[in-house]
Protein backbone atom coordinates (compact mmCIF):
# COMPACT_ATOMS: atom_id res chain seq x y z
CA UNK A 1 -6.07 4.70 -20.02
CA UNK A 2 -5.60 6.81 -16.87
CA UNK A 3 -9.33 6.77 -16.14
CA UNK A 4 -9.44 2.97 -16.47
CA UNK A 5 -6.53 2.70 -13.99
CA UNK A 6 -8.31 4.94 -11.52
CA UNK A 7 -11.47 2.83 -11.89
CA UNK A 8 -9.41 -0.29 -11.22
CA UNK A 9 -7.91 1.24 -8.07
CA UNK A 10 -11.24 2.51 -6.77
CA UNK A 11 -12.98 -0.81 -7.40
CA UNK A 12 -10.23 -2.70 -5.58
CA UNK A 13 -10.43 -0.20 -2.69
CA UNK A 14 -14.22 -0.04 -2.37
CA UNK A 15 -14.81 -3.76 -2.96
CA UNK A 16 -11.69 -5.43 -1.50
CA UNK A 17 -13.36 -8.83 -1.36
CA UNK A 18 -14.09 -8.93 -5.08
CA UNK A 19 -10.53 -8.64 -6.38
CA UNK A 20 -10.45 -12.30 -7.44
CA UNK A 21 -13.55 -11.81 -9.55
CA UNK A 22 -12.02 -8.65 -10.99
CA UNK A 23 -8.92 -10.57 -12.04
CA UNK A 24 -10.97 -13.36 -13.60
CA UNK A 25 -13.10 -10.92 -15.59
CA UNK A 26 -10.16 -8.93 -16.95
CA UNK A 27 -7.53 -11.58 -17.61
CA UNK A 28 -7.38 -10.71 -21.30
CA UNK A 29 -7.82 -6.92 -21.07
CA UNK A 30 -4.36 -5.75 -20.07
CA UNK A 31 -4.90 -6.32 -16.36
CA UNK A 32 -1.19 -6.82 -15.63
CA UNK A 33 -0.23 -3.50 -17.19
CA UNK A 34 -3.10 -1.72 -15.44
CA UNK A 35 -2.24 -3.26 -12.07
CA UNK A 36 1.40 -2.24 -12.43
CA UNK A 37 0.46 1.29 -13.47
CA UNK A 38 -1.97 1.40 -10.56
CA UNK A 39 0.95 0.86 -8.21
CA UNK A 40 2.79 3.68 -9.99
CA UNK A 41 -0.21 5.97 -9.52
CA UNK A 42 -0.48 5.21 -5.80
CA UNK A 43 3.25 5.55 -5.22
CA UNK A 44 3.19 8.84 -7.17
CA UNK A 45 0.47 10.08 -4.82
CA UNK A 46 2.76 9.32 -1.87
CA UNK A 47 5.66 10.98 -3.68
CA UNK A 48 3.62 14.14 -4.24
CA UNK A 49 2.53 14.46 -0.62
CA UNK A 50 6.10 13.74 0.48
CA UNK A 51 7.32 16.54 -1.78
CA UNK A 52 4.84 18.94 -0.19
CA UNK A 53 6.13 17.97 3.25
CA UNK A 54 9.71 18.42 2.05
CA UNK A 55 8.91 21.89 0.72
CA UNK A 56 7.37 22.82 4.08
CA UNK A 57 10.74 22.37 5.74
CA UNK A 58 9.51 19.86 8.28
CA UNK A 59 11.02 16.49 9.11
CA UNK A 60 9.55 13.18 10.32
CA UNK A 61 8.17 13.10 13.82
CA UNK A 62 8.71 9.33 13.89
CA UNK A 63 12.34 8.14 14.13
CA UNK A 64 13.72 7.07 10.77
CA UNK A 65 14.91 3.47 10.43
CA UNK A 66 16.68 3.85 7.11
CA UNK A 67 20.00 5.76 7.02
CA UNK A 68 18.55 8.98 5.56
CA UNK A 69 18.99 12.37 7.19
CA UNK A 70 15.90 13.69 8.97
CA UNK A 71 16.30 17.15 7.44
CA UNK A 72 16.02 15.76 3.89
CA UNK A 73 13.96 12.65 4.62
CA UNK A 74 10.77 13.79 2.88
CA UNK A 75 12.75 14.86 -0.17
CA UNK A 76 14.37 11.44 -0.50
CA UNK A 77 11.04 9.81 0.22
CA UNK A 78 9.48 11.70 -2.69
CA UNK A 79 12.30 10.60 -5.01
CA UNK A 80 12.49 6.98 -3.89
CA UNK A 81 8.83 6.20 -3.19
CA UNK A 82 8.02 4.82 -6.65
CA UNK A 83 11.02 2.45 -6.96
CA UNK A 84 10.63 1.45 -3.29
CA UNK A 85 7.01 0.37 -3.73
CA UNK A 86 7.75 -1.45 -6.97
CA UNK A 87 10.69 -3.25 -5.35
CA UNK A 88 8.55 -4.13 -2.32
CA UNK A 89 5.91 -5.59 -4.69
CA UNK A 90 8.51 -7.76 -6.39
CA UNK A 91 9.88 -8.99 -3.04
CA UNK A 92 6.38 -9.96 -1.84
CA UNK A 93 5.71 -11.75 -5.16
CA UNK A 94 8.90 -13.79 -4.79
CA UNK A 95 8.08 -14.59 -1.17
CA UNK A 96 4.51 -15.69 -1.99
CA UNK A 97 5.73 -17.77 -4.93
CA UNK A 98 8.31 -19.50 -2.70
CA UNK A 99 5.69 -20.14 -0.03
CA UNK A 100 3.26 -21.62 -2.58
CA UNK A 101 6.01 -23.92 -3.89
CA UNK A 102 6.88 -24.91 -0.33
CA UNK A 103 3.32 -26.03 0.32
CA UNK A 104 3.22 -27.78 -3.07
CA UNK A 105 0.34 -25.66 -4.25
CA UNK A 106 -1.10 -25.63 -7.72
CA UNK A 107 1.13 -24.00 -10.36
CA UNK A 108 0.55 -20.26 -10.47
CA UNK A 109 1.81 -17.98 -13.22
CA UNK A 110 3.91 -14.94 -12.31
CA UNK A 111 1.32 -12.80 -14.07
CA UNK A 112 -1.58 -14.03 -11.96
CA UNK A 113 0.33 -13.80 -8.69
CA UNK A 114 1.71 -10.33 -9.37
CA UNK A 115 -1.69 -8.95 -10.36
CA UNK A 116 -3.39 -10.53 -7.34
CA UNK A 117 -0.87 -9.04 -4.91
CA UNK A 118 -1.03 -5.61 -6.56
CA UNK A 119 -4.84 -5.53 -6.35
CA UNK A 120 -4.78 -6.83 -2.79
CA UNK A 121 -2.45 -4.05 -1.64
CA UNK A 122 -4.43 -1.24 -3.26
CA UNK A 123 -6.80 -0.81 -0.25
CA UNK A 124 -3.86 -0.72 2.18
CA UNK A 125 -1.94 1.84 0.14
CA UNK A 126 -4.96 4.04 -0.64
CA UNK A 127 -6.26 4.37 2.92
CA UNK A 128 -2.74 4.78 4.25
CA UNK A 129 -2.26 7.67 1.82
CA UNK A 130 -5.21 9.62 3.28
CA UNK A 131 -3.39 10.46 6.61
CA UNK A 132 -0.29 11.27 4.56
CA UNK A 133 -2.39 13.63 2.46
CA UNK A 134 -3.86 15.27 5.55
CA UNK A 135 -0.38 15.90 6.92
CA UNK A 136 0.72 17.48 3.63
CA UNK A 137 -2.41 19.67 3.43
CA UNK A 138 -1.96 21.03 6.97
CA UNK A 139 1.72 21.75 6.30
CA UNK A 140 0.76 23.45 3.04
CA UNK A 141 -1.68 25.65 4.94
CA UNK A 142 1.18 26.86 7.11
CA UNK A 143 0.86 24.67 10.20
CA UNK A 144 4.18 24.07 11.94
CA UNK A 145 5.34 20.59 12.82
CA UNK A 146 4.87 21.30 16.54
CA UNK A 147 1.27 22.43 15.96
CA UNK A 148 0.62 19.33 13.85
CA UNK A 149 2.09 16.98 16.45
CA UNK A 150 0.10 18.70 19.22
CA UNK A 151 -3.10 18.38 17.19
CA UNK A 152 -2.47 14.74 16.43
CA UNK A 153 -1.43 13.78 19.98
CA UNK A 154 -4.41 15.46 21.65
CA UNK A 155 -7.23 12.92 22.32
CA UNK A 156 -10.33 13.90 20.41
CA UNK A 157 -12.22 13.56 17.17
CA UNK A 158 -9.28 14.44 14.92
CA UNK A 159 -6.95 11.90 16.49
CA UNK A 160 -9.69 9.25 16.24
CA UNK A 161 -10.37 10.21 12.62
CA UNK A 162 -6.68 9.99 11.76
CA UNK A 163 -6.12 6.66 13.47
CA UNK A 164 -9.30 5.23 11.90
CA UNK A 165 -7.81 5.59 8.43
CA UNK A 166 -4.67 3.70 9.47
CA UNK A 167 -6.74 0.92 11.04
CA UNK A 168 -8.93 0.81 7.91
CA UNK A 169 -5.81 0.52 5.76
CA UNK A 170 -4.44 -2.38 7.75
CA UNK A 171 -7.71 -4.31 7.97
CA UNK A 172 -8.92 -3.76 4.40
CA UNK A 173 -5.60 -4.85 2.96
CA UNK A 174 -5.51 -7.99 5.10
CA UNK A 175 -9.10 -8.89 4.22
CA UNK A 176 -8.43 -8.27 0.54
CA UNK A 177 -5.40 -10.54 0.23
CA UNK A 178 -6.88 -13.23 2.48
CA UNK A 179 -10.12 -13.48 0.54
CA UNK A 180 -8.24 -13.47 -2.74
CA UNK A 181 -5.91 -16.30 -1.76
CA UNK A 182 -8.78 -18.44 -0.45
CA UNK A 183 -10.92 -17.85 -3.57
CA UNK A 184 -7.97 -18.57 -5.88
CA UNK A 185 -7.59 -22.05 -4.34
CA UNK A 186 -3.94 -22.20 -5.24
CA UNK A 187 -3.37 -23.99 -1.92
CA UNK A 188 -5.44 -25.48 0.87
CA UNK A 189 -7.49 -22.97 2.84
CA UNK A 190 -5.26 -22.89 5.92
CA UNK A 191 -2.15 -22.65 3.76
CA UNK A 192 -3.74 -19.88 1.70
CA UNK A 193 -4.53 -17.89 4.84
CA UNK A 194 -1.02 -18.42 6.16
CA UNK A 195 0.62 -17.33 2.90
CA UNK A 196 -1.73 -14.37 2.63
CA UNK A 197 -1.00 -13.25 6.19
CA UNK A 198 2.78 -13.59 5.89
CA UNK A 199 2.87 -11.92 2.47
CA UNK A 200 0.76 -9.07 3.77
CA UNK A 201 2.93 -8.59 6.86
CA UNK A 202 6.03 -8.53 4.68
CA UNK A 203 4.51 -5.95 2.35
CA UNK A 204 3.37 -3.75 5.25
CA UNK A 205 6.80 -3.99 6.85
CA UNK A 206 8.59 -2.93 3.67
CA UNK A 207 6.27 0.04 3.21
CA UNK A 208 6.19 1.21 6.79
CA UNK A 209 9.95 1.08 7.44
CA UNK A 210 10.31 3.63 4.64
CA UNK A 211 7.15 5.74 4.78
CA UNK A 212 7.09 8.63 7.25
């Protein structure tokens, strides 16, 4: 089961434009359960790297928006990451469903919509996790927060490499959800692109106000 979930994640990440076809081909093979567990796997990966950062004794270099203490932020992030991502997924589903109803789109089942949004956010979450993993690895190797910030803020190949993953996360996720919505034809093309863009922005906002 775990291997099939990893395959689902990797396929959605490597081929972000084929998620609609993936959904159509696996409608009767437990795709909803797999897509939900895929979110759990990705959020667990964030939780693990957050726990490493918490154990290193460092705190976020970016100001926290949520009312959590900086000293224990990574600890709380490791504890709350899974429920936060699941809750964010549900909020985006409800938003997208409301938007589709507003534009009088074709009826869409909760199952289809929830799976489509989960698959569409896999590329964003996966590529966003890579910089988070790099941070955890350098802290685990004994690098201090000051050394890490200096390395990251110094123009050069490492800074470019780090930023490239964040840009890749943002673009791949947006392309994934946009292509999916257009292929699904639940609404007119322009409405599909609008709903996809707004749903994606909402999902990114919910993740990024919490993730440090």
